[in-house]
Amino acid sequence: MKFTLVLLLVAAFVGCALSWSCTDASWAEYKATYNKNYPDPAEDLRHHDIYCEKLAAIEEHNAKYQKGEVTWEMGVNQFTDMSSEDIAGWMR
């Protein structure tokens, strides 16, 4: 019983460590990776909020993937900080 509890705690810790999190550091790394620059603080905040929302959706979806409830995994890409409207404008 104790071994099972310890094993579950370790698995939870590892799962948390491997998941993305919306921190200032992850936001800065994302912007550096995808060469994003928002000189206007309000625009930076808007994109940061979208990024955080999408990270949460990615984590939720990938938890379902790990359980076998869906057949594909999601990830971060150059569009993770963009709204649908932003993407549509970018594609024009």
PDB file of N, CA and C in Angstrom:
ATOM      1  N   MET A   1       0.825  -1.200   0.000  1.00  0.00           N
ATOM      2  CA  MET A   1       0.000   0.000   0.000  1.00  0.00           C
ATOM      3  C   MET A   1       0.865   1.257   0.000  1.00  0.00           C
ATOM      4  N   LYS A   2       1.864   1.297   0.915  1.00  0.00           N
ATOM      5  CA  LYS A   2       2.738   2.469   0.979  1.00  0.00           C
ATOM      6  C   LYS A   2       3.543   2.613  -0.304  1.00  0.00           C
ATOM      7  N   PHE A   3       3.997   1.484  -0.845  1.00  0.00           N
ATOM      8  CA  PHE A   3       4.763   1.522  -2.082  1.00  0.00           C
ATOM      9  C   PHE A   3       3.922   2.112  -3.219  1.00  0.00           C
ATOM     10  N   THR A   4       2.670   1.713  -3.297  1.00  0.00           N
ATOM     11  CA  THR A   4       1.771   2.219  -4.331  1.00  0.00           C
ATOM     12  C   THR A   4       1.575   3.715  -4.184  1.00  0.00           C
ATOM     13  N   LEU A   5       1.393   4.176  -2.967  1.00  0.00           N
ATOM     14  CA  LEU A   5       1.208   5.604  -2.714  1.00  0.00           C
ATOM     15  C   LEU A   5       2.454   6.382  -3.123  1.00  0.00           C
ATOM     16  N   VAL A   6       3.612   5.894  -2.753  1.00  0.00           N
ATOM     17  CA  VAL A   6       4.870   6.549  -3.126  1.00  0.00           C
ATOM     18  C   VAL A   6       5.018   6.565  -4.643  1.00  0.00           C
ATOM     19  N   LEU A   7       4.706   5.461  -5.283  1.00  0.00           N
ATOM     20  CA  LEU A   7       4.799   5.372  -6.730  1.00  0.00           C
ATOM     21  C   LEU A   7       3.866   6.384  -7.398  1.00  0.00           C
ATOM     22  N   LEU A   8       2.661   6.521  -6.887  1.00  0.00           N
ATOM     23  CA  LEU A   8       1.716   7.495  -7.441  1.00  0.00           C
ATOM     24  C   LEU A   8       2.213   8.922  -7.248  1.00  0.00           C
ATOM     25  N   LEU A   9       2.776   9.212  -6.096  1.00  0.00           N
ATOM     26  CA  LEU A   9       3.310  10.551  -5.837  1.00  0.00           C
ATOM     27  C   LEU A   9       4.476  10.868  -6.765  1.00  0.00           C
ATOM     28  N   VAL A  10       5.347   9.899  -6.971  1.00  0.00           N
ATOM     29  CA  VAL A  10       6.478  10.099  -7.884  1.00  0.00           C
ATOM     30  C   VAL A  10       5.965  10.318  -9.305  1.00  0.00           C
ATOM     31  N   ALA A  11       5.002   9.537  -9.731  1.00  0.00           N
ATOM     32  CA  ALA A  11       4.435   9.691 -11.079  1.00  0.00           C
ATOM     33  C   ALA A  11       3.797  11.067 -11.245  1.00  0.00           C
ATOM     34  N   ALA A  12       3.096  11.530 -10.229  1.00  0.00           N
ATOM     35  CA  ALA A  12       2.475  12.859 -10.294  1.00  0.00           C
ATOM     36  C   ALA A  12       3.536  13.944 -10.388  1.00  0.00           C
ATOM     37  N   PHE A  13       4.603  13.800  -9.613  1.00  0.00           N
ATOM     38  CA  PHE A  13       5.679  14.784  -9.649  1.00  0.00           C
ATOM     39  C   PHE A  13       6.341  14.816 -11.020  1.00  0.00           C
ATOM     40  N   VAL A  14       6.644  13.664 -11.572  1.00  0.00           N
ATOM     41  CA  VAL A  14       7.275  13.597 -12.886  1.00  0.00           C
ATOM     42  C   VAL A  14       6.340  14.177 -13.935  1.00  0.00           C
ATOM     43  N   GLY A  15       5.052  13.873 -13.851  1.00  0.00           N
ATOM     44  CA  GLY A  15       4.088  14.415 -14.802  1.00  0.00           C
ATOM     45  C   GLY A  15       4.042  15.924 -14.754  1.00  0.00           C
ATOM     46  N   CYS A  16       4.084  16.480 -13.564  1.00  0.00           N
ATOM     47  CA  CYS A  16       4.088  17.935 -13.423  1.00  0.00           C
ATOM     48  C   CYS A  16       5.374  18.532 -13.978  1.00  0.00           C
ATOM     49  N   ALA A  17       6.471  17.876 -13.736  1.00  0.00           N
ATOM     50  CA  ALA A  17       7.758  18.388 -14.204  1.00  0.00           C
ATOM     51  C   ALA A  17       7.842  18.379 -15.724  1.00  0.00           C
ATOM     52  N   LEU A  18       7.178  17.425 -16.371  1.00  0.00           N
ATOM     53  CA  LEU A  18       7.243  17.310 -17.819  1.00  0.00           C
ATOM     54  C   LEU A  18       6.208  18.169 -18.538  1.00  0.00           C
ATOM     55  N   SER A  19       5.241  18.698 -17.807  1.00  0.00           N
ATOM     56  CA  SER A  19       4.194  19.478 -18.453  1.00  0.00           C
ATOM     57  C   SER A  19       4.656  20.914 -18.674  1.00  0.00           C
ATOM     58  N   TRP A  20       4.048  21.548 -19.640  1.00  0.00           N
ATOM     59  CA  TRP A  20       4.339  22.955 -19.868  1.00  0.00           C
ATOM     60  C   TRP A  20       3.659  23.754 -18.779  1.00  0.00           C
ATOM     61  N   SER A  21       4.224  24.879 -18.451  1.00  0.00           N
ATOM     62  CA  SER A  21       3.551  25.765 -17.517  1.00  0.00           C
ATOM     63  C   SER A  21       3.688  27.184 -18.020  1.00  0.00           C
ATOM     64  N   CYS A  22       2.714  27.977 -17.706  1.00  0.00           N
ATOM     65  CA  CYS A  22       2.683  29.354 -18.170  1.00  0.00           C
ATOM     66  C   CYS A  22       3.403  30.230 -17.145  1.00  0.00           C
ATOM     67  N   THR A  23       4.685  30.389 -17.354  1.00  0.00           N
ATOM     68  CA  THR A  23       5.497  31.237 -16.487  1.00  0.00           C
ATOM     69  C   THR A  23       6.139  32.325 -17.337  1.00  0.00           C
ATOM     70  N   ASP A  24       6.684  33.337 -16.674  1.00  0.00           N
ATOM     71  CA  ASP A  24       7.402  34.373 -17.416  1.00  0.00           C
ATOM     72  C   ASP A  24       8.569  33.764 -18.185  1.00  0.00           C
ATOM     73  N   ALA A  25       9.226  32.779 -17.572  1.00  0.00           N
ATOM     74  CA  ALA A  25      10.368  32.138 -18.234  1.00  0.00           C
ATOM     75  C   ALA A  25       9.930  31.361 -19.469  1.00  0.00           C
ATOM     76  N   SER A  26       8.822  30.620 -19.370  1.00  0.00           N
ATOM     77  CA  SER A  26       8.372  29.854 -20.543  1.00  0.00           C
ATOM     78  C   SER A  26       7.898  30.798 -21.645  1.00  0.00           C
ATOM     79  N   TRP A  27       7.281  31.921 -21.256  1.00  0.00           N
ATOM     80  CA  TRP A  27       6.834  32.914 -22.237  1.00  0.00           C
ATOM     81  C   TRP A  27       8.051  33.518 -22.948  1.00  0.00           C
ATOM     82  N   ALA A  28       9.081  33.872 -22.196  1.00  0.00           N
ATOM     83  CA  ALA A  28      10.300  34.434 -22.788  1.00  0.00           C
ATOM     84  C   ALA A  28      10.968  33.410 -23.711  1.00  0.00           C
ATOM     85  N   GLU A  29      11.015  32.155 -23.286  1.00  0.00           N
ATOM     86  CA  GLU A  29      11.614  31.107 -24.113  1.00  0.00           C
ATOM     87  C   GLU A  29      10.813  30.896 -25.392  1.00  0.00           C
ATOM     88  N   TYR A  30       9.483  30.901 -25.268  1.00  0.00           N
ATOM     89  CA  TYR A  30       8.621  30.750 -26.440  1.00  0.00           C
ATOM     90  C   TYR A  30       8.893  31.878 -27.440  1.00  0.00           C
ATOM     91  N   LYS A  31       8.925  33.112 -26.946  1.00  0.00           N
ATOM     92  CA  LYS A  31       9.155  34.254 -27.841  1.00  0.00           C
ATOM     93  C   LYS A  31      10.533  34.173 -28.499  1.00  0.00           C
ATOM     94  N   ALA A  32      11.524  33.741 -27.771  1.00  0.00           N
ATOM     95  CA  ALA A  32      12.863  33.614 -28.347  1.00  0.00           C
ATOM     96  C   ALA A  32      12.898  32.492 -29.391  1.00  0.00           C
ATOM     97  N   THR A  33      12.266  31.379 -29.085  1.00  0.00           N
ATOM     98  CA  THR A  33      12.251  30.236 -29.998  1.00  0.00           C
ATOM     99  C   THR A  33      11.594  30.583 -31.324  1.00  0.00           C
ATOM    100  N   TYR A  34      10.475  31.306 -31.263  1.00  0.00           N
ATOM    101  CA  TYR A  34       9.704  31.599 -32.474  1.00  0.00           C
ATOM    102  C   TYR A  34       9.892  33.043 -32.954  1.00  0.00           C
ATOM    103  N   ASN A  35      10.938  33.706 -32.438  1.00  0.00           N
ATOM    104  CA  ASN A  35      11.283  35.066 -32.856  1.00  0.00           C
ATOM    105  C   ASN A  35      10.088  36.023 -32.768  1.00  0.00           C
ATOM    106  N   LYS A  36       9.415  36.004 -31.635  1.00  0.00           N
ATOM    107  CA  LYS A  36       8.261  36.872 -31.401  1.00  0.00           C
ATOM    108  C   LYS A  36       8.724  38.104 -30.637  1.00  0.00           C
ATOM    109  N   ASN A  37       8.222  39.274 -31.029  1.00  0.00           N
ATOM    110  CA  ASN A  37       8.570  40.507 -30.355  1.00  0.00           C
ATOM    111  C   ASN A  37       7.348  41.426 -30.355  1.00  0.00           C
ATOM    112  N   TYR A  38       6.874  41.768 -29.175  1.00  0.00           N
ATOM    113  CA  TYR A  38       5.726  42.653 -29.036  1.00  0.00           C
ATOM    114  C   TYR A  38       6.160  43.875 -28.240  1.00  0.00           C
ATOM    115  N   PRO A  39       6.575  44.959 -28.936  1.00  0.00           N
ATOM    116  CA  PRO A  39       7.072  46.143 -28.236  1.00  0.00           C
ATOM    117  C   PRO A  39       6.005  46.825 -27.364  1.00  0.00           C
ATOM    118  N   ASP A  40       4.747  46.731 -27.773  1.00  0.00           N
ATOM    119  CA  ASP A  40       3.662  47.322 -26.995  1.00  0.00           C
ATOM    120  C   ASP A  40       3.302  46.376 -25.840  1.00  0.00           C
ATOM    121  N   PRO A  41       3.422  46.828 -24.581  1.00  0.00           N
ATOM    122  CA  PRO A  41       3.135  45.948 -23.435  1.00  0.00           C
ATOM    123  C   PRO A  41       1.721  45.360 -23.456  1.00  0.00           C
ATOM    124  N   ALA A  42       0.752  46.116 -23.930  1.00  0.00           N
ATOM    125  CA  ALA A  42      -0.622  45.602 -23.990  1.00  0.00           C
ATOM    126  C   ALA A  42      -0.730  44.463 -24.998  1.00  0.00           C
ATOM    127  N   GLU A  43      -0.048  44.596 -26.122  1.00  0.00           N
ATOM    128  CA  GLU A  43      -0.063  43.539 -27.144  1.00  0.00           C
ATOM    129  C   GLU A  43       0.687  42.301 -26.632  1.00  0.00           C
ATOM    130  N   ASP A  44       1.792  42.521 -25.941  1.00  0.00           N
ATOM    131  CA  ASP A  44       2.532  41.414 -25.353  1.00  0.00           C
ATOM    132  C   ASP A  44       1.656  40.661 -24.357  1.00  0.00           C
ATOM    133  N   LEU A  45       0.940  41.394 -23.532  1.00  0.00           N
ATOM    134  CA  LEU A  45       0.050  40.775 -22.543  1.00  0.00           C
ATOM    135  C   LEU A  45      -1.073  39.995 -23.221  1.00  0.00           C
ATOM    136  N   ARG A  46      -1.639  40.548 -24.290  1.00  0.00           N
ATOM    137  CA  ARG A  46      -2.701  39.850 -25.026  1.00  0.00           C
ATOM    138  C   ARG A  46      -2.195  38.520 -25.563  1.00  0.00           C
ATOM    139  N   HIS A  47      -1.027  38.533 -26.179  1.00  0.00           N
ATOM    140  CA  HIS A  47      -0.466  37.295 -26.725  1.00  0.00           C
ATOM    141  C   HIS A  47      -0.056  36.328 -25.608  1.00  0.00           C
ATOM    142  N   HIS A  48       0.439  36.864 -24.510  1.00  0.00           N
ATOM    143  CA  HIS A  48       0.794  36.030 -23.355  1.00  0.00           C
ATOM    144  C   HIS A  48      -0.443  35.305 -22.832  1.00  0.00           C
ATOM    145  N   ASP A  49      -1.565  36.022 -22.723  1.00  0.00           N
ATOM    146  CA  ASP A  49      -2.801  35.410 -22.238  1.00  0.00           C
ATOM    147  C   ASP A  49      -3.283  34.300 -23.176  1.00  0.00           C
ATOM    148  N   ILE A  50      -3.210  34.546 -24.479  1.00  0.00           N
ATOM    149  CA  ILE A  50      -3.590  33.521 -25.455  1.00  0.00           C
ATOM    150  C   ILE A  50      -2.678  32.306 -25.312  1.00  0.00           C
ATOM    151  N   TYR A  51      -1.383  32.550 -25.176  1.00  0.00           N
ATOM    152  CA  TYR A  51      -0.390  31.487 -24.982  1.00  0.00           C
ATOM    153  C   TYR A  51      -0.752  30.641 -23.767  1.00  0.00           C
ATOM    154  N   CYS A  52      -1.073  31.292 -22.652  1.00  0.00           N
ATOM    155  CA  CYS A  52      -1.420  30.560 -21.423  1.00  0.00           C
ATOM    156  C   CYS A  52      -2.692  29.731 -21.606  1.00  0.00           C
ATOM    157  N   GLU A  53      -3.696  30.309 -22.255  1.00  0.00           N
ATOM    158  CA  GLU A  53      -4.946  29.577 -22.510  1.00  0.00           C
ATOM    159  C   GLU A  53      -4.682  28.350 -23.374  1.00  0.00           C
ATOM    160  N   LYS A  54      -3.886  28.526 -24.406  1.00  0.00           N
ATOM    161  CA  LYS A  54      -3.606  27.397 -25.296  1.00  0.00           C
ATOM    162  C   LYS A  54      -2.748  26.338 -24.612  1.00  0.00           C
ATOM    163  N   LEU A  55      -1.814  26.749 -23.751  1.00  0.00           N
ATOM    164  CA  LEU A  55      -1.033  25.756 -23.008  1.00  0.00           C
ATOM    165  C   LEU A  55      -1.945  24.890 -22.155  1.00  0.00           C
ATOM    166  N   ALA A  56      -2.919  25.523 -21.504  1.00  0.00           N
ATOM    167  CA  ALA A  56      -3.857  24.760 -20.671  1.00  0.00           C
ATOM    168  C   ALA A  56      -4.650  23.778 -21.533  1.00  0.00           C
ATOM    169  N   ALA A  57      -5.085  24.223 -22.709  1.00  0.00           N
ATOM    170  CA  ALA A  57      -5.824  23.339 -23.616  1.00  0.00           C
ATOM    171  C   ALA A  57      -4.948  22.191 -24.111  1.00  0.00           C
ATOM    172  N   ILE A  58      -3.681  22.482 -24.397  1.00  0.00           N
ATOM    173  CA  ILE A  58      -2.746  21.442 -24.837  1.00  0.00           C
ATOM    174  C   ILE A  58      -2.560  20.413 -23.735  1.00  0.00           C
ATOM    175  N   GLU A  59      -2.359  20.865 -22.516  1.00  0.00           N
ATOM    176  CA  GLU A  59      -2.169  19.948 -21.389  1.00  0.00           C
ATOM    177  C   GLU A  59      -3.407  19.090 -21.159  1.00  0.00           C
ATOM    178  N   GLU A  60      -4.581  19.709 -21.247  1.00  0.00           N
ATOM    179  CA  GLU A  60      -5.832  18.957 -21.070  1.00  0.00           C
ATOM    180  C   GLU A  60      -5.986  17.900 -22.159  1.00  0.00           C
ATOM    181  N   HIS A  61      -5.737  18.287 -23.396  1.00  0.00           N
ATOM    182  CA  HIS A  61      -5.855  17.340 -24.508  1.00  0.00           C
ATOM    183  C   HIS A  61      -4.843  16.199 -24.358  1.00  0.00           C
ATOM    184  N   ASN A  62      -3.603  16.537 -24.017  1.00  0.00           N
ATOM    185  CA  ASN A  62      -2.563  15.512 -23.922  1.00  0.00           C
ATOM    186  C   ASN A  62      -2.787  14.569 -22.741  1.00  0.00           C
ATOM    187  N   ALA A  63      -3.473  15.030 -21.710  1.00  0.00           N
ATOM    188  CA  ALA A  63      -3.852  14.127 -20.618  1.00  0.00           C
ATOM    189  C   ALA A  63      -4.827  13.077 -21.146  1.00  0.00           C
ATOM    190  N   LYS A  64      -5.734  13.500 -22.022  1.00  0.00           N
ATOM    191  CA  LYS A  64      -6.659  12.551 -22.651  1.00  0.00           C
ATOM    192  C   LYS A  64      -5.897  11.589 -23.557  1.00  0.00           C
ATOM    193  N   TYR A  65      -4.893  12.102 -24.254  1.00  0.00           N
ATOM    194  CA  TYR A  65      -4.067  11.256 -25.114  1.00  0.00           C
ATOM    195  C   TYR A  65      -3.368  10.176 -24.280  1.00  0.00           C
ATOM    196  N   GLN A  66      -2.814  10.573 -23.141  1.00  0.00           N
ATOM    197  CA  GLN A  66      -2.127   9.618 -22.268  1.00  0.00           C
ATOM    198  C   GLN A  66      -3.072   8.527 -21.757  1.00  0.00           C
ATOM    199  N   LYS A  67      -4.352   8.862 -21.607  1.00  0.00           N
ATOM    200  CA  LYS A  67      -5.348   7.885 -21.151  1.00  0.00           C
ATOM    201  C   LYS A  67      -5.904   7.052 -22.301  1.00  0.00           C
ATOM    202  N   GLY A  68      -5.524   7.384 -23.523  1.00  0.00           N
ATOM    203  CA  GLY A  68      -6.028   6.658 -24.687  1.00  0.00           C
ATOM    204  C   GLY A  68      -7.393   7.130 -25.148  1.00  0.00           C
ATOM    205  N   GLU A  69      -7.822   8.297 -24.666  1.00  0.00           N
ATOM    206  CA  GLU A  69      -9.143   8.818 -25.026  1.00  0.00           C
ATOM    207  C   GLU A  69      -9.150   9.526 -26.376  1.00  0.00           C
ATOM    208  N   VAL A  70      -7.997   9.990 -26.822  1.00  0.00           N
ATOM    209  CA  VAL A  70      -7.854  10.579 -28.152  1.00  0.00           C
ATOM    210  C   VAL A  70      -6.623   9.946 -28.796  1.00  0.00           C
ATOM    211  N   THR A  71      -6.520  10.046 -30.110  1.00  0.00           N
ATOM    212  CA  THR A  71      -5.469   9.316 -30.816  1.00  0.00           C
ATOM    213  C   THR A  71      -4.296  10.176 -31.255  1.00  0.00           C
ATOM    214  N   TRP A  72      -4.312  11.456 -30.941  1.00  0.00           N
ATOM    215  CA  TRP A  72      -3.215  12.321 -31.354  1.00  0.00           C
ATOM    216  C   TRP A  72      -2.832  13.274 -30.234  1.00  0.00           C
ATOM    217  N   GLU A  73      -1.589  13.709 -30.290  1.00  0.00           N
ATOM    218  CA  GLU A  73      -1.029  14.567 -29.257  1.00  0.00           C
ATOM    219  C   GLU A  73      -0.858  15.988 -29.800  1.00  0.00           C
ATOM    220  N   MET A  74      -1.044  16.974 -28.940  1.00  0.00           N
ATOM    221  CA  MET A  74      -0.876  18.374 -29.325  1.00  0.00           C
ATOM    222  C   MET A  74       0.482  18.877 -28.843  1.00  0.00           C
ATOM    223  N   GLY A  75       0.955  19.962 -29.447  1.00  0.00           N
ATOM    224  CA  GLY A  75       2.207  20.562 -29.029  1.00  0.00           C
ATOM    225  C   GLY A  75       2.213  22.062 -29.287  1.00  0.00           C
ATOM    226  N   VAL A  76       3.250  22.702 -28.823  1.00  0.00           N
ATOM    227  CA  VAL A  76       3.439  24.141 -28.994  1.00  0.00           C
ATOM    228  C   VAL A  76       4.053  24.386 -30.368  1.00  0.00           C
ATOM    229  N   ASN A  77       3.596  25.462 -31.030  1.00  0.00           N
ATOM    230  CA  ASN A  77       4.199  25.852 -32.305  1.00  0.00           C
ATOM    231  C   ASN A  77       4.141  27.374 -32.432  1.00  0.00           C
ATOM    232  N   GLN A  78       4.460  27.886 -33.597  1.00  0.00           N
ATOM    233  CA  GLN A  78       4.525  29.333 -33.797  1.00  0.00           C
ATOM    234  C   GLN A  78       3.166  30.025 -33.690  1.00  0.00           C
ATOM    235  N   PHE A  79       2.088  29.277 -33.646  1.00  0.00           N
ATOM    236  CA  PHE A  79       0.749  29.856 -33.558  1.00  0.00           C
ATOM    237  C   PHE A  79       0.168  29.813 -32.141  1.00  0.00           C
ATOM    238  N   THR A  80       0.892  29.286 -31.187  1.00  0.00           N
ATOM    239  CA  THR A  80       0.356  29.080 -29.838  1.00  0.00           C
ATOM    240  C   THR A  80      -0.024  30.385 -29.163  1.00  0.00           C
ATOM    241  N   ASP A  81       0.559  31.503 -29.548  1.00  0.00           N
ATOM    242  CA  ASP A  81       0.212  32.784 -28.927  1.00  0.00           C
ATOM    243  C   ASP A  81      -0.733  33.621 -29.785  1.00  0.00           C
ATOM    244  N   MET A  82      -1.335  32.984 -30.794  1.00  0.00           N
ATOM    245  CA  MET A  82      -2.187  33.726 -31.716  1.00  0.00           C
ATOM    246  C   MET A  82      -3.640  33.264 -31.626  1.00  0.00           C
ATOM    247  N   SER A  83      -4.555  34.245 -31.698  1.00  0.00           N
ATOM    248  CA  SER A  83      -5.979  33.923 -31.752  1.00  0.00           C
ATOM    249  C   SER A  83      -6.324  33.432 -33.159  1.00  0.00           C
ATOM    250  N   SER A  84      -7.528  32.930 -33.317  1.00  0.00           N
ATOM    251  CA  SER A  84      -7.983  32.497 -34.656  1.00  0.00           C
ATOM    252  C   SER A  84      -7.951  33.667 -35.625  1.00  0.00           C
ATOM    253  N   GLU A  85      -8.337  34.848 -35.146  1.00  0.00           N
ATOM    254  CA  GLU A  85      -8.331  36.051 -35.986  1.00  0.00           C
ATOM    255  C   GLU A  85      -6.903  36.413 -36.385  1.00  0.00           C
ATOM    256  N   ASP A  86      -5.965  36.319 -35.428  1.00  0.00           N
ATOM    257  CA  ASP A  86      -4.560  36.594 -35.741  1.00  0.00           C
ATOM    258  C   ASP A  86      -4.049  35.654 -36.831  1.00  0.00           C
ATOM    259  N   ILE A  87      -4.375  34.391 -36.708  1.00  0.00           N
ATOM    260  CA  ILE A  87      -3.911  33.385 -37.669  1.00  0.00           C
ATOM    261  C   ILE A  87      -4.514  33.657 -39.039  1.00  0.00           C
ATOM    262  N   ALA A  88      -5.807  33.972 -39.077  1.00  0.00           N
ATOM    263  CA  ALA A  88      -6.467  34.252 -40.348  1.00  0.00           C
ATOM    264  C   ALA A  88      -5.818  35.473 -41.021  1.00  0.00           C
ATOM    265  N   GLY A  89      -5.494  36.503 -40.257  1.00  0.00           N
ATOM    266  CA  GLY A  89      -4.828  37.685 -40.806  1.00  0.00           C
ATOM    267  C   GLY A  89      -3.420  37.375 -41.281  1.00  0.00           C
ATOM    268  N   TRP A  90      -2.743  36.513 -40.571  1.00  0.00           N
ATOM    269  CA  TRP A  90      -1.374  36.127 -40.909  1.00  0.00           C
ATOM    270  C   TRP A  90      -1.350  35.354 -42.226  1.00  0.00           C
ATOM    271  N   MET A  91      -2.400  34.577 -42.486  1.00  0.00           N
ATOM    272  CA  MET A  91      -2.442  33.728 -43.676  1.00  0.00           C
ATOM    273  C   MET A  91      -2.825  34.501 -44.930  1.00  0.00           C
ATOM    274  N   ARG A  92      -3.302  35.720 -44.783  1.00  0.00           N
ATOM    275  CA  ARG A  92      -3.691  36.485 -45.973  1.00  0.00           C
ATOM    276  C   ARG A  92      -2.517  37.002 -46.724  1.00  0.00           C
TER     277      ARG A  92
END
